[in-house]
């Protein structure tokens, strides 16, 4: 069988097709000095010979490996810095592999647990996954998302105990809803000196005390402590997560609180602190 016609020189389109790249990329290689300009034909178009094609193939192989073009050129010139480039590249690939593995685990968790619960850390979602469908409200999940960002997975896991109790104790959930509605009514029409604020803060403190007692009876804190004693692998922060101090994070999270609502929140904290000193410690906030 006779061989096909074998050209001694080829145009840039044929060179690009053979090397698995594009004419634009080859022109860029010329512009940065990575590939020497070839001779031009009578039509003033570039013509590539065998040695040019070999160079192109090596460039393509190294570029596919992730080696920067400047380092490829340095390698062709015999510079020793290529080893440093390869070391940096390997470190970068290890980091990317870890990020891809974290993404893969997140996707697996979403498929297994469901969205949006699966978007929370495994420590948090694992504590909530056995609740009946609909037991967790969207607002509950929103709150856990914020808490996880401010205090990390462990802080959100502690708060998850609260939502487990609310989901399994209808009376406490009813009281929670009543208080939330009353708190929402503390808008800009209410004075920070309104006497209702003190009464509502006392009711919230009593409710938090009741929630804390229910959590104690449920043993939820003990199961969380068992996980920590076992060195649970999901307590650590997400890979690459930019962390802030809780105070810094709180200062960056906007809340549309009226002056009356701010005073109410301050008063609740004061009452809870006083209850803590008296030994009647709510464990939900």
Protein backbone atom coordinates (compact mmCIF):
# COMPACT_ATOMS: atom_id res chain seq x y z
CA UNK A 1 0.00 0.00 0.00
CA UNK A 2 1.61 3.28 -1.05
CA UNK A 3 2.13 6.04 1.51
CA UNK A 4 0.02 9.19 1.24
CA UNK A 5 1.74 12.27 -0.07
CA UNK A 6 4.06 13.49 2.71
CA UNK A 7 4.58 17.26 2.75
CA UNK A 8 7.96 18.69 3.64
CA UNK A 9 6.30 21.79 5.12
CA UNK A 10 2.77 22.41 6.41
CA UNK A 11 0.63 25.48 7.02
CA UNK A 12 -0.28 26.68 10.49
CA UNK A 13 -3.75 25.11 10.38
CA UNK A 14 -2.33 21.66 9.65
CA UNK A 15 0.37 22.12 12.30
CA UNK A 16 -2.24 23.08 14.89
CA UNK A 17 -4.50 20.16 13.99
CA UNK A 18 -1.65 17.66 14.25
CA UNK A 19 -0.39 19.02 17.58
CA UNK A 20 -3.91 19.23 19.04
CA UNK A 21 -3.84 22.97 19.56
CA UNK A 22 -5.07 26.06 17.68
CA UNK A 23 -3.48 28.49 15.23
CA UNK A 24 -4.10 31.24 17.75
CA UNK A 25 -2.10 29.35 20.39
CA UNK A 26 0.76 28.80 17.96
CA UNK A 27 0.84 32.50 17.12
CA UNK A 28 1.03 33.21 20.85
CA UNK A 29 3.98 30.81 21.17
CA UNK A 30 5.72 32.80 18.46
CA UNK A 31 4.92 36.11 20.17
CA UNK A 32 6.47 35.06 23.50
CA UNK A 33 9.49 33.40 21.96
CA UNK A 34 8.50 29.87 22.86
CA UNK A 35 8.45 28.74 19.24
CA UNK A 36 10.70 30.30 16.61
CA UNK A 37 9.08 31.94 13.61
CA UNK A 38 9.30 29.52 10.66
CA UNK A 39 10.08 30.41 7.10
CA UNK A 40 7.24 31.74 5.01
CA UNK A 41 6.18 30.54 1.62
CA UNK A 42 5.66 32.53 -1.53
CA UNK A 43 2.19 33.42 -0.24
CA UNK A 44 3.79 34.94 2.90
CA UNK A 45 2.22 32.27 5.12
CA UNK A 46 4.16 30.36 7.74
CA UNK A 47 5.39 26.91 6.81
CA UNK A 48 6.34 24.41 9.53
CA UNK A 49 8.93 21.65 9.23
CA UNK A 50 9.48 18.45 11.17
CA UNK A 51 11.52 20.08 13.98
CA UNK A 52 8.82 22.71 14.49
CA UNK A 53 6.25 19.97 14.90
CA UNK A 54 8.38 18.18 17.47
CA UNK A 55 8.70 21.39 19.46
CA UNK A 56 4.94 21.95 19.24
CA UNK A 57 4.22 18.46 20.52
CA UNK A 58 6.50 18.95 23.54
CA UNK A 59 4.92 22.32 24.27
CA UNK A 60 1.47 20.76 24.13
CA UNK A 61 2.46 17.89 26.44
CA UNK A 62 3.96 20.23 29.04
CA UNK A 63 1.07 22.69 28.82
CA UNK A 64 -1.38 19.81 29.34
CA UNK A 65 0.58 18.91 32.48
CA UNK A 66 -0.11 22.42 33.77
CA UNK A 67 3.40 23.82 33.39
CA UNK A 68 3.26 27.61 32.77
CA UNK A 69 4.47 28.76 29.37
CA UNK A 70 7.29 30.84 30.87
CA UNK A 71 8.58 27.75 32.66
CA UNK A 72 8.29 25.68 29.48
CA UNK A 73 10.49 28.23 27.73
CA UNK A 74 12.95 28.17 30.61
CA UNK A 75 13.05 24.38 30.39
CA UNK A 76 13.88 24.50 26.68
CA UNK A 77 16.63 26.97 27.45
CA UNK A 78 18.15 24.61 29.98
CA UNK A 79 17.39 26.74 33.04
CA UNK A 80 17.37 24.86 36.35
CA UNK A 81 14.31 26.73 37.64
CA UNK A 82 12.02 24.20 35.98
CA UNK A 83 12.39 21.94 39.01
CA UNK A 84 11.09 24.69 41.28
CA UNK A 85 8.19 25.23 38.90
CA UNK A 86 7.37 21.53 38.98
CA UNK A 87 7.45 21.53 42.78
CA UNK A 88 5.05 24.48 42.88
CA UNK A 89 2.85 22.81 40.31
CA UNK A 90 2.71 19.61 42.33
CA UNK A 91 1.73 21.55 45.45
CA UNK A 92 -0.99 23.30 43.47
CA UNK A 93 -2.29 20.01 42.10
CA UNK A 94 -2.39 18.48 45.58
CA UNK A 95 -4.41 21.48 46.76
CA UNK A 96 -6.76 21.23 43.79
CA UNK A 97 -7.19 17.50 44.36
CA UNK A 98 -8.16 18.16 47.97
CA UNK A 99 -10.66 20.80 46.83
CA UNK A 100 -12.14 18.42 44.26
CA UNK A 101 -12.43 15.69 46.88
CA UNK A 102 -14.20 18.12 49.22
CA UNK A 103 -16.61 19.03 46.40
CA UNK A 104 -17.19 15.37 45.64
CA UNK A 105 -17.99 14.71 49.30
CA UNK A 106 -20.37 17.69 49.35
CA UNK A 107 -22.20 16.44 46.27
CA UNK A 108 -22.45 12.94 47.77
CA UNK A 109 -23.84 14.43 50.99
CA UNK A 110 -26.40 16.46 49.04
CA UNK A 111 -27.57 13.38 47.17
CA UNK A 112 -27.73 11.34 50.35
CA UNK A 113 -29.22 13.89 52.76
CA UNK A 114 -30.96 16.27 50.39
CA UNK A 115 -30.86 20.00 49.92
CA UNK A 116 -30.59 22.36 51.72
CA UNK A 117 -29.83 20.28 54.83
CA UNK A 118 -26.97 18.59 52.99
CA UNK A 119 -25.30 21.95 52.45
CA UNK A 120 -24.59 22.23 56.17
CA UNK A 121 -21.56 20.52 57.66
CA UNK A 122 -21.79 16.75 58.20
CA UNK A 123 -21.71 17.25 61.98
CA UNK A 124 -24.86 19.39 61.80
CA UNK A 125 -26.75 17.57 59.06
CA UNK A 126 -26.00 14.23 60.70
CA UNK A 127 -27.77 15.32 63.88
CA UNK A 128 -30.87 16.49 62.02
CA UNK A 129 -31.32 13.91 59.29
CA UNK A 130 -33.55 11.60 61.35
CA UNK A 131 -36.21 14.25 61.93
CA UNK A 132 -39.50 13.79 60.13
CA UNK A 133 -39.85 15.59 56.78
CA UNK A 134 -41.00 19.16 57.35
CA UNK A 135 -40.05 19.12 61.03
CA UNK A 136 -37.27 21.59 60.28
CA UNK A 137 -38.53 24.89 58.96
CA UNK A 138 -36.72 27.00 56.36
CA UNK A 139 -36.04 29.63 59.02
CA UNK A 140 -34.42 26.97 61.21
CA UNK A 141 -32.05 26.01 58.41
CA UNK A 142 -31.31 29.68 57.70
CA UNK A 143 -30.38 30.19 61.33
CA UNK A 144 -28.11 27.14 61.34
CA UNK A 145 -26.41 28.39 58.18
CA UNK A 146 -25.60 31.72 59.83
CA UNK A 147 -24.53 30.08 63.09
CA UNK A 148 -22.21 27.72 61.25
CA UNK A 149 -20.59 30.68 59.51
CA UNK A 150 -20.14 32.59 62.77
CA UNK A 151 -19.30 29.83 65.26
CA UNK A 152 -18.31 26.93 63.00
CA UNK A 153 -19.80 23.42 62.75
CA UNK A 154 -19.57 22.76 66.47
CA UNK A 155 -21.52 25.90 67.35
CA UNK A 156 -24.19 25.00 64.80
CA UNK A 157 -24.31 21.41 66.09
CA UNK A 158 -25.02 22.72 69.59
CA UNK A 159 -27.77 24.93 68.19
CA UNK A 160 -29.16 21.96 66.25
CA UNK A 161 -30.14 20.49 69.61
CA UNK A 162 -32.53 23.39 70.00
CA UNK A 163 -34.28 22.69 66.71
CA UNK A 164 -34.49 18.98 67.45
CA UNK A 165 -36.30 19.76 70.70
CA UNK A 166 -38.58 22.29 69.01
CA UNK A 167 -39.43 19.74 66.32
CA UNK A 168 -40.28 17.05 68.87
CA UNK A 169 -42.01 19.16 71.53
CA UNK A 170 -45.14 20.82 70.07
CA UNK A 171 -45.74 22.95 73.17
CA UNK A 172 -42.28 24.47 73.03
CA UNK A 173 -42.64 25.06 69.29
CA UNK A 174 -45.94 26.86 69.84
CA UNK A 175 -44.35 29.11 72.47
CA UNK A 176 -41.38 29.74 70.16
CA UNK A 177 -43.72 30.85 67.39
CA UNK A 178 -45.66 33.12 69.75
CA UNK A 179 -42.49 34.80 70.99
CA UNK A 180 -41.11 35.17 67.46
CA UNK A 181 -44.30 36.91 66.39
CA UNK A 182 -44.16 39.25 69.36
CA UNK A 183 -40.48 40.00 68.69
CA UNK A 184 -41.24 40.82 65.05
CA UNK A 185 -43.76 43.38 66.29
CA UNK A 186 -40.96 45.35 67.99
CA UNK A 187 -40.60 47.58 64.95
CA UNK A 188 -39.71 51.25 64.56
CA UNK A 189 -43.11 52.30 65.95
CA UNK A 190 -42.16 50.90 69.38
CA UNK A 191 -40.08 52.95 71.77
CA UNK A 192 -36.99 51.34 73.30
CA UNK A 193 -38.46 52.34 76.68
CA UNK A 194 -41.74 50.54 76.09
CA UNK A 195 -42.52 48.46 79.22
CA UNK A 196 -43.61 45.54 77.03
CA UNK A 197 -39.96 44.95 76.19
CA UNK A 198 -39.12 43.96 79.75
CA UNK A 199 -42.09 41.60 79.97
CA UNK A 200 -41.32 39.97 76.62
CA UNK A 201 -37.63 39.57 77.52
CA UNK A 202 -38.63 37.79 80.72
CA UNK A 203 -40.89 35.46 78.73
CA UNK A 204 -38.07 34.70 76.29
CA UNK A 205 -35.70 33.95 79.16
CA UNK A 206 -38.23 31.57 80.70
CA UNK A 207 -38.71 29.88 77.34
CA UNK A 208 -34.96 29.43 76.85
CA UNK A 209 -34.77 27.91 80.33
CA UNK A 210 -37.50 25.44 79.42
CA UNK A 211 -35.73 24.60 76.16
CA UNK A 212 -32.46 24.05 78.00
CA UNK A 213 -34.19 21.69 80.44
CA UNK A 214 -35.73 19.74 77.55
CA UNK A 215 -32.32 19.40 75.90
CA UNK A 216 -30.85 18.13 79.16
CA UNK A 217 -33.59 15.51 79.47
CA UNK A 218 -33.13 14.43 75.84
CA UNK A 219 -29.45 13.63 76.28
CA UNK A 220 -28.61 15.46 73.05
CA UNK A 221 -25.67 17.27 74.62
CA UNK A 222 -24.28 13.96 75.81
CA UNK A 223 -24.38 12.46 72.31
CA UNK A 224 -22.56 15.49 70.99
CA UNK A 225 -19.93 15.19 73.70
CA UNK A 226 -19.50 11.52 72.77
CA UNK A 227 -18.77 12.53 69.19
CA UNK A 228 -16.18 15.03 70.35
CA UNK A 229 -14.57 12.49 72.67
CA UNK A 230 -14.26 10.14 69.70
CA UNK A 231 -12.53 12.88 67.72
CA UNK A 232 -15.30 13.32 65.18
CA UNK A 233 -13.74 14.12 61.81
CA UNK A 234 -16.47 16.57 60.85
CA UNK A 235 -15.79 19.12 63.59
CA UNK A 236 -13.00 20.78 61.61
CA UNK A 237 -13.71 23.75 59.39
CA UNK A 238 -14.25 23.30 55.68
CA UNK A 239 -11.06 23.20 53.63
CA UNK A 240 -10.21 26.68 52.36
CA UNK A 241 -12.89 28.37 54.46
CA UNK A 242 -11.95 31.92 55.36
CA UNK A 243 -12.55 32.18 59.08
CA UNK A 244 -13.37 35.26 61.12
CA UNK A 245 -13.73 35.75 64.82
CA UNK A 246 -17.37 35.50 66.00
CA UNK A 247 -17.45 39.21 66.84
CA UNK A 248 -16.04 40.12 63.43
CA UNK A 249 -18.55 37.87 61.69
CA UNK A 250 -21.48 39.24 63.69
CA UNK A 251 -20.39 42.76 62.78
CA UNK A 252 -20.60 41.90 59.09
CA UNK A 253 -24.05 40.26 59.19
CA UNK A 254 -26.88 42.78 58.77
CA UNK A 255 -30.04 42.54 60.83
CA UNK A 256 -32.92 44.96 60.32
CA UNK A 257 -33.51 45.47 64.04
CA UNK A 258 -35.34 48.51 65.31
CA UNK A 259 -34.00 50.34 68.40
CA UNK A 260 -36.73 48.61 70.42
CA UNK A 261 -35.65 45.19 69.12
CA UNK A 262 -32.00 45.95 69.89
CA UNK A 263 -32.94 46.92 73.45
CA UNK A 264 -35.01 43.75 73.75
CA UNK A 265 -32.10 41.55 72.61
CA UNK A 266 -29.78 43.28 75.08
CA UNK A 267 -32.26 42.71 77.87
CA UNK A 268 -32.64 39.02 77.00
CA UNK A 269 -28.85 38.61 77.19
CA UNK A 270 -28.79 40.32 80.57
CA UNK A 271 -31.53 38.09 81.95
CA UNK A 272 -29.91 34.93 80.59
CA UNK A 273 -26.59 35.96 82.10
CA UNK A 274 -28.30 36.53 85.44
CA UNK A 275 -30.00 33.12 85.19
CA UNK A 276 -26.62 31.54 84.46
CA UNK A 277 -25.12 33.09 87.58
CA UNK A 278 -28.05 31.82 89.60
CA UNK A 279 -27.44 28.29 88.34
CA UNK A 280 -30.57 28.15 86.16
CA UNK A 281 -28.66 27.93 82.87
CA UNK A 282 -30.46 27.93 79.55
CA UNK A 283 -28.33 25.91 77.14
CA UNK A 284 -29.87 26.93 73.85
CA UNK A 285 -28.31 30.30 72.98
